[in-house]
Amino acid sequence: MAYNLEKMNSLGALEKISLVMDYIVSRAEISSLAPRIVLEENMSVGGVAKQDFKDIVRNLFEADILKDKKTVEGQLSEEYLQFTESRYYYYATIDYKEFDNFKKNLTNRIKELKGEKQNNVNRLEFDEPNSLLMINEYKIPIARRKEKTDEHAILKELFKDKNDECFYAELSESILEVDNEEYNSNQKYWQKFYGACVRIQEKVSKATENSINDFLDFNTGITGSVKINKKYIV
C-alpha cells in the first residue's frame, strides 16, 4: 500500500523511509532513458533493518516512485525482481519528479513531527470524544468514535485522576453495573478488564515502536487493578 504521509505519526518510521531514499539516490545510475537502480532485496542500510528496507522499497514501487512492470496481482514480477546466486535484486527506474515531490513532503512531515515532539515532550492526555490517547508526541487511536470499547472505558476512568488506581471490581460496577456479589462469583469480569489492559498496552507499544511498552501497571485476579505508570504522569 502506498504511503499516506499525513496519516503517518511515527517519526522513526518516516526517518527510515528517508534513509532508504537517500541510499537509492546515492546508488542511482544515469542511463540513456532514465535513472536506474539495482538493489539487493535482503540488504539493510544503517539504521534500517532488512525487513524494513524490503517493505519500504516495495511501498515505493506501489507509489510509482520506483517504476517497472507488475503482475496483475500487484506482486513484484521477475522483470524487475530477479534471482541471482541465492539473492533477489530489484531492477527499476526512478521517476525523479515523483521522487523529489515525495521526498520534499516526507522531509516536511518529519520536521512537523519533530516540532510536535519538542512541543509535547511532557504531554499525557486522553481526548475522550475522539478516543485518542496522547503521550508526549504520540497520538494513539483507542477506539472508533461510535464504539464504546473496554479499552476506551478504562482510560476514561483512569483519566478522571491520573494518579488513581482502578480495581477491576470498581470498573465492573461503574462500567458494567455489576454488583460486588456478582463480580466475586464470576472470574469473567476481571478477565474482561485484564484483557482490555493488555490491548491498551499493545496499542501504545505498537504506536511508539516499542519505546513505551509499560504505560499501564496492571495485574490479574479477582483483586486485580490497573493504574498509569507514574513515570508517564506529568
Protein backbone atom coordinates (compact mmCIF):
# COMPACT_ATOMS: atom_id res chain seq x y z
CA MET A 1 0.00 0.00 0.00
CA ALA A 2 1.39 3.42 -0.98
CA TYR A 3 2.33 5.79 1.80
CA ASN A 4 -0.11 8.39 3.16
CA LEU A 5 2.27 10.78 4.92
CA GLU A 6 -0.48 12.83 6.55
CA LYS A 7 -1.66 9.78 8.50
CA MET A 8 1.83 8.61 9.50
CA ASN A 9 2.67 9.70 13.05
CA SER A 10 5.77 7.61 13.72
CA LEU A 11 8.88 9.78 13.43
CA GLY A 12 11.11 6.69 13.47
CA ALA A 13 9.28 5.06 10.55
CA LEU A 14 9.43 8.25 8.47
CA GLU A 15 13.14 8.67 9.13
CA LYS A 16 13.75 5.10 7.94
CA ILE A 17 11.99 5.89 4.64
CA SER A 18 14.17 8.98 4.28
CA LEU A 19 17.34 6.94 4.86
CA VAL A 20 16.35 4.42 2.19
CA MET A 21 15.53 7.17 -0.31
CA ASP A 22 18.89 8.84 0.33
CA TYR A 23 20.57 5.50 -0.28
CA ILE A 24 18.66 5.00 -3.53
CA VAL A 25 19.85 8.38 -4.80
CA SER A 26 23.44 7.52 -3.91
CA ARG A 27 23.19 4.24 -5.88
CA ALA A 28 21.31 5.55 -8.92
CA GLU A 29 22.98 5.25 -12.32
CA ILE A 30 22.06 7.61 -15.17
CA SER A 31 21.15 5.70 -18.35
CA SER A 32 20.08 6.94 -21.76
CA LEU A 33 16.41 6.51 -20.75
CA ALA A 34 16.11 7.30 -17.05
CA PRO A 35 17.97 7.00 -13.76
CA ARG A 36 18.01 3.34 -12.73
CA ILE A 37 18.73 1.48 -9.55
CA VAL A 38 19.78 -2.05 -8.63
CA LEU A 39 19.09 -3.03 -5.02
CA GLU A 40 19.51 -6.29 -3.20
CA GLU A 41 16.22 -7.28 -1.56
CA ASN A 42 17.70 -8.63 1.67
CA MET A 43 20.09 -5.79 2.32
CA SER A 44 19.99 -3.21 5.08
CA VAL A 45 21.03 0.41 5.39
CA GLY A 46 22.44 1.97 8.53
CA GLY A 47 19.51 2.37 10.91
CA VAL A 48 17.15 0.33 8.71
CA ALA A 49 16.78 -3.43 9.22
CA LYS A 50 16.40 -5.88 6.31
CA GLN A 51 12.64 -6.36 6.61
CA ASP A 52 12.05 -2.60 6.94
CA PHE A 53 14.24 -1.98 3.88
CA LYS A 54 12.28 -4.58 1.90
CA ASP A 55 8.91 -3.11 2.95
CA ILE A 56 9.98 0.46 2.14
CA VAL A 57 11.23 -0.47 -1.35
CA ARG A 58 8.02 -2.35 -2.12
CA ASN A 59 5.95 0.64 -0.98
CA LEU A 60 8.00 2.94 -3.22
CA PHE A 61 7.03 0.68 -6.12
CA GLU A 62 3.38 0.87 -5.05
CA ALA A 63 3.63 4.69 -5.01
CA ASP A 64 5.15 4.63 -8.54
CA ILE A 65 8.26 6.41 -7.28
CA LEU A 66 10.23 3.37 -8.38
CA LYS A 67 8.84 2.16 -11.67
CA ASP A 68 8.65 -1.08 -13.62
CA LYS A 69 6.11 -3.69 -14.62
CA LYS A 70 3.99 -5.57 -12.13
CA THR A 71 1.92 -8.69 -12.37
CA VAL A 72 -1.87 -8.49 -12.39
CA GLU A 73 -1.94 -9.38 -8.69
CA GLY A 74 0.32 -6.42 -7.91
CA GLN A 75 3.23 -8.62 -6.85
CA LEU A 76 6.79 -7.90 -7.90
CA SER A 77 7.41 -9.67 -11.20
CA GLU A 78 10.58 -11.30 -12.50
CA GLU A 79 11.00 -8.35 -14.85
CA TYR A 80 12.30 -6.25 -12.01
CA LEU A 81 12.81 -8.70 -9.17
CA GLN A 82 15.48 -11.11 -10.34
CA PHE A 83 17.08 -14.09 -8.64
CA THR A 84 20.87 -14.48 -8.87
CA GLU A 85 23.11 -16.71 -6.80
CA SER A 86 20.60 -17.16 -3.97
CA ARG A 87 19.81 -13.44 -3.80
CA TYR A 88 16.99 -11.30 -5.09
CA TYR A 89 17.68 -7.95 -6.73
CA TYR A 90 15.35 -5.10 -7.70
CA TYR A 91 15.90 -3.56 -11.13
CA ALA A 92 13.97 -0.31 -11.52
CA THR A 93 13.93 3.20 -12.93
CA ILE A 94 13.31 6.29 -10.83
CA ASP A 95 10.66 8.88 -11.56
CA TYR A 96 12.66 11.83 -10.26
CA LYS A 97 9.70 14.24 -10.31
CA GLU A 98 7.64 11.90 -8.12
CA PHE A 99 10.73 11.03 -6.09
CA ASP A 100 11.58 14.68 -5.35
CA ASN A 101 7.98 15.61 -4.54
CA PHE A 102 7.61 12.69 -2.18
CA LYS A 103 10.97 13.37 -0.53
CA LYS A 104 10.03 17.03 -0.02
CA ASN A 105 6.70 16.06 1.57
CA LEU A 106 8.45 13.42 3.65
CA THR A 107 11.00 15.94 4.92
CA ASN A 108 8.24 18.41 5.80
CA ARG A 109 6.33 15.71 7.69
CA ILE A 110 9.46 14.78 9.66
CA LYS A 111 10.03 18.43 10.56
CA GLU A 112 6.38 18.76 11.59
CA LEU A 113 6.58 15.73 13.89
CA LYS A 114 9.92 16.83 15.35
CA GLY A 115 8.37 20.19 16.19
CA GLU A 116 5.39 18.39 17.70
CA LYS A 117 7.72 16.16 19.68
CA GLN A 118 9.60 19.13 21.07
CA ASN A 119 6.41 20.98 21.98
CA ASN A 120 4.70 17.95 23.51
CA VAL A 121 7.58 16.31 25.33
CA ASN A 122 5.62 16.20 28.61
CA ARG A 123 2.07 15.59 27.41
CA LEU A 124 -0.33 12.99 28.78
CA GLU A 125 -3.96 13.42 27.73
CA PHE A 126 -6.98 11.36 26.74
CA ASP A 127 -9.20 13.00 24.12
CA GLU A 128 -12.39 11.19 25.11
CA PRO A 129 -14.69 12.36 22.24
CA ASN A 130 -12.16 11.11 19.67
CA SER A 131 -10.86 8.22 21.82
CA LEU A 132 -7.31 9.40 21.27
CA LEU A 133 -4.56 8.77 23.81
CA MET A 134 -1.73 11.33 23.63
CA ILE A 135 1.61 10.55 25.26
CA ASN A 136 4.30 13.14 24.58
CA GLU A 137 4.47 13.42 20.77
CA TYR A 138 2.45 10.26 20.12
CA LYS A 139 -1.24 10.19 19.21
CA ILE A 140 -2.69 6.72 19.72
CA PRO A 141 -6.21 5.83 18.47
CA ILE A 142 -8.01 3.66 21.03
CA ALA A 143 -11.47 3.19 19.55
CA ARG A 144 -13.62 4.48 16.72
CA ARG A 145 -15.85 7.40 17.61
CA LYS A 146 -19.10 5.46 17.89
CA GLU A 147 -17.57 2.47 19.68
CA LYS A 148 -17.57 2.12 23.46
CA THR A 149 -14.83 -0.45 23.94
CA ASP A 150 -13.49 -1.71 27.24
CA GLU A 151 -10.18 -0.01 26.44
CA HIS A 152 -11.92 3.33 26.00
CA ALA A 153 -13.90 2.87 29.21
CA ILE A 154 -10.78 2.03 31.24
CA LEU A 155 -8.88 5.09 30.02
CA LYS A 156 -11.90 7.28 30.68
CA GLU A 157 -11.85 6.10 34.31
CA LEU A 158 -8.08 6.38 34.68
CA PHE A 159 -8.00 9.94 33.40
CA LYS A 160 -10.53 11.15 35.95
CA ASP A 161 -7.49 11.21 38.22
CA LYS A 162 -4.28 10.02 36.57
CA ASN A 163 -2.77 9.11 39.94
CA ASP A 164 -5.60 6.80 40.95
CA GLU A 165 -5.55 3.00 40.93
CA CYS A 166 -8.69 1.40 39.46
CA PHE A 167 -9.67 -2.03 40.72
CA TYR A 168 -11.41 -4.40 38.31
CA ALA A 169 -14.25 -4.76 40.83
CA GLU A 170 -14.81 -0.99 40.74
CA LEU A 171 -14.65 -0.94 36.94
CA SER A 172 -17.21 -3.74 36.78
CA GLU A 173 -19.55 -1.74 38.98
CA SER A 174 -19.14 1.63 37.26
CA ILE A 175 -18.97 0.39 33.66
CA LEU A 176 -20.98 -2.84 33.67
CA GLU A 177 -23.26 -2.11 36.66
CA VAL A 178 -22.24 -5.43 38.19
CA ASP A 179 -22.56 -5.59 41.97
CA ASN A 180 -19.87 -6.95 44.24
CA GLU A 181 -21.56 -10.32 44.79
CA GLU A 182 -21.91 -10.98 41.08
CA TYR A 183 -18.33 -9.85 40.45
CA ASN A 184 -16.91 -12.18 43.08
CA SER A 185 -18.87 -15.15 41.74
CA ASN A 186 -17.60 -14.96 38.16
CA GLN A 187 -13.99 -14.51 37.08
CA LYS A 188 -15.02 -13.40 33.59
CA TYR A 189 -15.31 -9.82 34.86
CA TRP A 190 -11.73 -9.35 35.99
CA GLN A 191 -10.55 -11.28 32.92
CA LYS A 192 -12.51 -8.89 30.71
CA PHE A 193 -10.72 -5.82 32.09
CA TYR A 194 -7.35 -7.51 32.28
CA GLY A 195 -7.66 -8.36 28.57
CA ALA A 196 -8.54 -4.73 27.78
CA CYS A 197 -5.44 -3.56 29.67
CA VAL A 198 -3.31 -5.93 27.58
CA ARG A 199 -4.79 -4.47 24.39
CA ILE A 200 -4.12 -0.88 25.53
CA GLN A 201 -0.53 -1.80 26.30
CA GLU A 202 -0.14 -3.40 22.87
CA LYS A 203 -1.60 -0.38 21.06
CA VAL A 204 0.72 2.01 22.90
CA SER A 205 3.75 -0.19 22.29
CA LYS A 206 3.00 -0.54 18.57
CA ALA A 207 2.30 3.17 18.05
CA THR A 208 5.53 4.16 19.82
CA GLU A 209 7.67 1.48 18.12
CA ASN A 210 8.17 -0.24 21.50
CA SER A 211 9.63 2.88 23.11
CA ILE A 212 6.70 2.85 25.57
CA ASN A 213 5.77 -0.71 26.49
CA ASP A 214 4.95 -0.19 30.17
CA PHE A 215 2.35 2.57 30.06
CA LEU A 216 -0.01 0.70 32.39
CA ASP A 217 0.72 -1.14 35.62
CA PHE A 218 -1.85 -3.93 35.96
CA ASN A 219 -2.24 -7.47 37.25
CA THR A 220 -4.52 -10.50 37.23
CA GLY A 221 -7.04 -11.93 39.64
CA ILE A 222 -10.26 -11.03 41.39
CA THR A 223 -8.45 -8.34 43.41
CA GLY A 224 -6.64 -7.08 40.31
CA SER A 225 -6.28 -3.43 39.38
CA VAL A 226 -4.79 -1.05 36.83
CA LYS A 227 -3.08 2.33 37.04
CA ILE A 228 -0.97 4.56 34.82
CA ASN A 229 2.76 4.03 35.28
CA LYS A 230 3.82 7.02 37.37
CA LYS A 231 6.83 7.77 35.18
CA TYR A 232 4.45 8.92 32.40
CA ILE A 233 2.30 11.12 34.61
CA VAL A 234 3.04 14.83 34.11
